[in-house]
Amino acid sequence: SKKKDKKDKKDKKGKDKEEEDNPMQYSKFMKGAYDSSGSSSSDEDTRRSAISGRKIKMKIKKDKTDKDLQKNREKLRQFLNQM
């Protein structure tokens, strides 16, 4: 039984090598099967840093003080633009 296990392992290794040596299938390539990044389709639209590769947060959580400051800036801007 040990000999069979060794043969099975060899067969599996051989099959992996054969798949790597075969040319790409166009349909699989278009579906992203050969994508080396390994990202899922839902992750494609997220922006990432070119340096670290981390996701970039596009929205910033604002508390009450941030909202108040934003309103004051908007009022000041409108006042200065009226002059």
N, C-alpha and C. Protein backbone atom coordinates (compact mmCIF):
# COMPACT_ATOMS: atom_id res chain seq x y z
N SER A 1 0.83 -1.20 0.00
CA SER A 1 0.00 0.00 0.00
C SER A 1 0.87 1.26 0.00
N LYS A 2 2.06 1.20 0.59
CA LYS A 2 2.96 2.35 0.60
C LYS A 2 3.43 2.66 -0.81
N LYS A 3 3.67 1.59 -1.60
CA LYS A 3 4.10 1.81 -2.98
C LYS A 3 3.02 2.52 -3.78
N LYS A 4 1.76 2.18 -3.55
CA LYS A 4 0.67 2.83 -4.26
C LYS A 4 0.61 4.31 -3.89
N ASP A 5 0.81 4.63 -2.59
CA ASP A 5 0.79 6.02 -2.16
C ASP A 5 1.88 6.81 -2.85
N LYS A 6 3.07 6.22 -2.95
CA LYS A 6 4.18 6.90 -3.61
C LYS A 6 3.87 7.11 -5.09
N LYS A 7 3.27 6.11 -5.73
CA LYS A 7 2.93 6.24 -7.14
C LYS A 7 1.88 7.32 -7.34
N ASP A 8 0.89 7.38 -6.43
CA ASP A 8 -0.15 8.39 -6.53
C ASP A 8 0.45 9.79 -6.40
N LYS A 9 1.39 9.95 -5.47
CA LYS A 9 2.05 11.25 -5.29
C LYS A 9 2.82 11.63 -6.55
N LYS A 10 3.52 10.66 -7.13
CA LYS A 10 4.28 10.94 -8.35
C LYS A 10 3.34 11.33 -9.48
N ASP A 11 2.21 10.62 -9.59
CA ASP A 11 1.25 10.93 -10.64
C ASP A 11 0.69 12.34 -10.47
N LYS A 12 0.38 12.72 -9.23
CA LYS A 12 -0.16 14.05 -8.98
C LYS A 12 0.87 15.12 -9.33
N LYS A 13 2.13 14.87 -8.98
CA LYS A 13 3.18 15.83 -9.30
C LYS A 13 3.32 15.96 -10.81
N GLY A 14 3.27 14.85 -11.51
CA GLY A 14 3.39 14.86 -12.96
C GLY A 14 2.26 15.62 -13.61
N LYS A 15 1.06 15.48 -13.08
CA LYS A 15 -0.09 16.18 -13.66
C LYS A 15 0.04 17.69 -13.47
N ASP A 16 0.55 18.12 -12.32
CA ASP A 16 0.72 19.55 -12.08
C ASP A 16 1.70 20.14 -13.08
N LYS A 17 2.77 19.42 -13.35
CA LYS A 17 3.77 19.91 -14.30
C LYS A 17 3.18 19.99 -15.71
N GLU A 18 2.34 19.01 -16.06
CA GLU A 18 1.74 19.01 -17.39
C GLU A 18 0.85 20.22 -17.58
N GLU A 19 0.08 20.59 -16.54
CA GLU A 19 -0.81 21.73 -16.64
C GLU A 19 -0.03 23.02 -16.82
N GLU A 20 1.13 23.13 -16.19
CA GLU A 20 1.95 24.33 -16.31
C GLU A 20 2.56 24.44 -17.71
N ASP A 21 2.89 23.31 -18.31
CA ASP A 21 3.53 23.32 -19.61
C ASP A 21 2.55 23.58 -20.76
N ASN A 22 1.26 23.32 -20.54
CA ASN A 22 0.27 23.51 -21.60
C ASN A 22 0.06 24.99 -21.86
N PRO A 23 -0.28 25.33 -23.10
CA PRO A 23 -0.57 26.74 -23.40
C PRO A 23 -1.86 27.19 -22.72
N MET A 24 -1.99 28.50 -22.56
CA MET A 24 -3.18 29.05 -21.90
C MET A 24 -4.41 28.86 -22.78
N GLN A 25 -5.55 28.66 -22.12
CA GLN A 25 -6.82 28.64 -22.84
C GLN A 25 -7.39 30.04 -22.81
N TYR A 26 -7.76 30.54 -23.97
CA TYR A 26 -8.22 31.92 -24.09
C TYR A 26 -9.46 32.16 -23.22
N SER A 27 -10.38 31.22 -23.18
CA SER A 27 -11.61 31.42 -22.40
C SER A 27 -11.30 31.51 -20.91
N LYS A 28 -10.36 30.70 -20.43
CA LYS A 28 -9.98 30.76 -19.02
C LYS A 28 -9.23 32.05 -18.72
N PHE A 29 -8.43 32.50 -19.68
CA PHE A 29 -7.68 33.73 -19.50
C PHE A 29 -8.63 34.91 -19.36
N MET A 30 -9.68 34.95 -20.19
CA MET A 30 -10.64 36.05 -20.15
C MET A 30 -11.45 36.04 -18.86
N LYS A 31 -11.66 34.87 -18.28
CA LYS A 31 -12.39 34.78 -17.01
C LYS A 31 -11.49 35.13 -15.83
N GLY A 32 -10.19 35.20 -16.03
CA GLY A 32 -9.26 35.55 -14.96
C GLY A 32 -8.70 34.34 -14.24
N ALA A 33 -8.80 33.17 -14.84
CA ALA A 33 -8.30 31.96 -14.19
C ALA A 33 -6.78 31.98 -14.06
N TYR A 34 -6.10 32.71 -14.95
CA TYR A 34 -4.65 32.75 -14.90
C TYR A 34 -4.14 33.99 -14.18
N ASP A 35 -5.02 34.69 -13.47
CA ASP A 35 -4.64 35.90 -12.77
C ASP A 35 -3.68 35.56 -11.63
N SER A 36 -2.51 36.16 -11.64
CA SER A 36 -1.50 35.83 -10.64
C SER A 36 -1.74 36.53 -9.31
N SER A 37 -2.54 37.60 -9.31
CA SER A 37 -2.74 38.35 -8.07
C SER A 37 -3.62 37.60 -7.10
N GLY A 38 -4.52 36.78 -7.60
CA GLY A 38 -5.38 35.99 -6.73
C GLY A 38 -6.52 36.78 -6.13
N SER A 39 -6.79 37.98 -6.64
CA SER A 39 -7.86 38.78 -6.07
C SER A 39 -9.19 38.36 -6.66
N SER A 40 -10.23 38.52 -5.87
CA SER A 40 -11.56 38.17 -6.34
C SER A 40 -12.15 39.29 -7.16
N SER A 41 -13.23 39.02 -7.85
CA SER A 41 -13.83 40.02 -8.73
C SER A 41 -14.38 41.20 -7.94
N SER A 42 -14.83 40.98 -6.70
CA SER A 42 -15.37 42.07 -5.90
C SER A 42 -14.24 42.99 -5.41
N ASP A 43 -13.02 42.52 -5.47
CA ASP A 43 -11.89 43.30 -4.98
C ASP A 43 -11.22 44.10 -6.09
N GLU A 44 -11.68 43.95 -7.33
CA GLU A 44 -11.02 44.61 -8.45
C GLU A 44 -11.19 46.11 -8.44
N ASP A 45 -12.33 46.61 -7.94
CA ASP A 45 -12.60 48.03 -8.02
C ASP A 45 -12.00 48.83 -6.86
N THR A 46 -11.37 48.18 -5.91
CA THR A 46 -10.77 48.91 -4.79
C THR A 46 -9.42 49.47 -5.22
N ARG A 47 -9.14 50.68 -4.77
CA ARG A 47 -7.86 51.31 -5.09
C ARG A 47 -6.82 50.85 -4.09
N ARG A 48 -5.61 50.63 -4.56
CA ARG A 48 -4.53 50.18 -3.69
C ARG A 48 -3.33 51.09 -3.85
N SER A 49 -2.56 51.17 -2.77
CA SER A 49 -1.34 51.96 -2.79
C SER A 49 -0.31 51.29 -3.69
N ALA A 50 0.38 52.09 -4.49
CA ALA A 50 1.39 51.54 -5.38
C ALA A 50 2.61 51.07 -4.60
N ILE A 51 2.83 51.63 -3.42
CA ILE A 51 4.01 51.29 -2.64
C ILE A 51 3.76 50.10 -1.74
N SER A 52 2.73 50.18 -0.88
CA SER A 52 2.51 49.13 0.10
C SER A 52 1.54 48.07 -0.38
N GLY A 53 0.67 48.40 -1.33
CA GLY A 53 -0.33 47.45 -1.79
C GLY A 53 -1.56 47.40 -0.91
N ARG A 54 -1.62 48.25 0.10
CA ARG A 54 -2.78 48.27 0.99
C ARG A 54 -3.95 48.96 0.32
N LYS A 55 -5.17 48.61 0.77
CA LYS A 55 -6.36 49.26 0.24
C LYS A 55 -6.39 50.72 0.70
N ILE A 56 -6.84 51.59 -0.19
CA ILE A 56 -6.96 53.00 0.13
C ILE A 56 -8.42 53.27 0.49
N LYS A 57 -8.63 53.86 1.66
CA LYS A 57 -9.99 54.18 2.09
C LYS A 57 -10.44 55.43 1.34
N MET A 58 -11.56 55.33 0.67
CA MET A 58 -12.06 56.46 -0.10
C MET A 58 -13.03 57.32 0.73
N LYS A 59 -13.61 56.75 1.76
CA LYS A 59 -14.52 57.50 2.61
C LYS A 59 -13.91 57.62 4.00
N ILE A 60 -14.07 58.82 4.58
CA ILE A 60 -13.55 59.07 5.92
C ILE A 60 -14.74 59.26 6.85
N LYS A 61 -14.74 58.57 7.96
CA LYS A 61 -15.82 58.72 8.93
C LYS A 61 -15.69 60.08 9.61
N LYS A 62 -16.81 60.82 9.66
CA LYS A 62 -16.81 62.15 10.26
C LYS A 62 -17.68 62.14 11.51
N ASP A 63 -17.17 62.75 12.57
CA ASP A 63 -17.98 62.90 13.78
C ASP A 63 -18.66 64.27 13.75
N LYS A 64 -19.33 64.62 14.82
CA LYS A 64 -20.10 65.86 14.86
C LYS A 64 -19.22 67.09 14.69
N THR A 65 -18.06 67.11 15.32
CA THR A 65 -17.18 68.27 15.21
C THR A 65 -16.69 68.47 13.78
N ASP A 66 -16.40 67.38 13.08
CA ASP A 66 -15.96 67.48 11.69
C ASP A 66 -17.07 68.07 10.82
N LYS A 67 -18.31 67.63 11.06
CA LYS A 67 -19.44 68.15 10.29
C LYS A 67 -19.67 69.62 10.57
N ASP A 68 -19.53 70.03 11.83
CA ASP A 68 -19.68 71.44 12.18
C ASP A 68 -18.61 72.29 11.51
N LEU A 69 -17.37 71.83 11.52
CA LEU A 69 -16.28 72.56 10.85
C LEU A 69 -16.54 72.67 9.35
N GLN A 70 -17.05 71.60 8.76
CA GLN A 70 -17.36 71.60 7.33
C GLN A 70 -18.43 72.64 7.01
N LYS A 71 -19.46 72.73 7.85
CA LYS A 71 -20.52 73.74 7.65
C LYS A 71 -19.97 75.15 7.77
N ASN A 72 -19.12 75.35 8.76
CA ASN A 72 -18.52 76.69 8.94
C ASN A 72 -17.65 77.07 7.75
N ARG A 73 -16.90 76.15 7.22
CA ARG A 73 -16.06 76.41 6.05
C ARG A 73 -16.94 76.76 4.85
N GLU A 74 -18.03 76.03 4.69
CA GLU A 74 -18.94 76.28 3.57
C GLU A 74 -19.56 77.68 3.68
N LYS A 75 -19.99 78.06 4.90
CA LYS A 75 -20.55 79.40 5.11
C LYS A 75 -19.51 80.49 4.80
N LEU A 76 -18.29 80.30 5.27
CA LEU A 76 -17.22 81.26 5.02
C LEU A 76 -16.93 81.38 3.52
N ARG A 77 -16.90 80.25 2.85
CA ARG A 77 -16.64 80.24 1.40
C ARG A 77 -17.73 81.01 0.65
N GLN A 78 -18.98 80.77 1.02
CA GLN A 78 -20.08 81.47 0.36
C GLN A 78 -19.99 82.98 0.63
N PHE A 79 -19.67 83.34 1.86
CA PHE A 79 -19.54 84.76 2.22
C PHE A 79 -18.43 85.44 1.41
N LEU A 80 -17.28 84.79 1.34
CA LEU A 80 -16.16 85.37 0.62
C LEU A 80 -16.41 85.43 -0.88
N ASN A 81 -17.16 84.48 -1.42
CA ASN A 81 -17.46 84.50 -2.85
C ASN A 81 -18.48 85.57 -3.21
N GLN A 82 -19.27 86.02 -2.24
CA GLN A 82 -20.25 87.07 -2.51
C GLN A 82 -19.61 88.45 -2.61
N MET A 83 -18.43 88.61 -2.07
CA MET A 83 -17.79 89.94 -2.03
C MET A 83 -17.38 90.41 -3.41
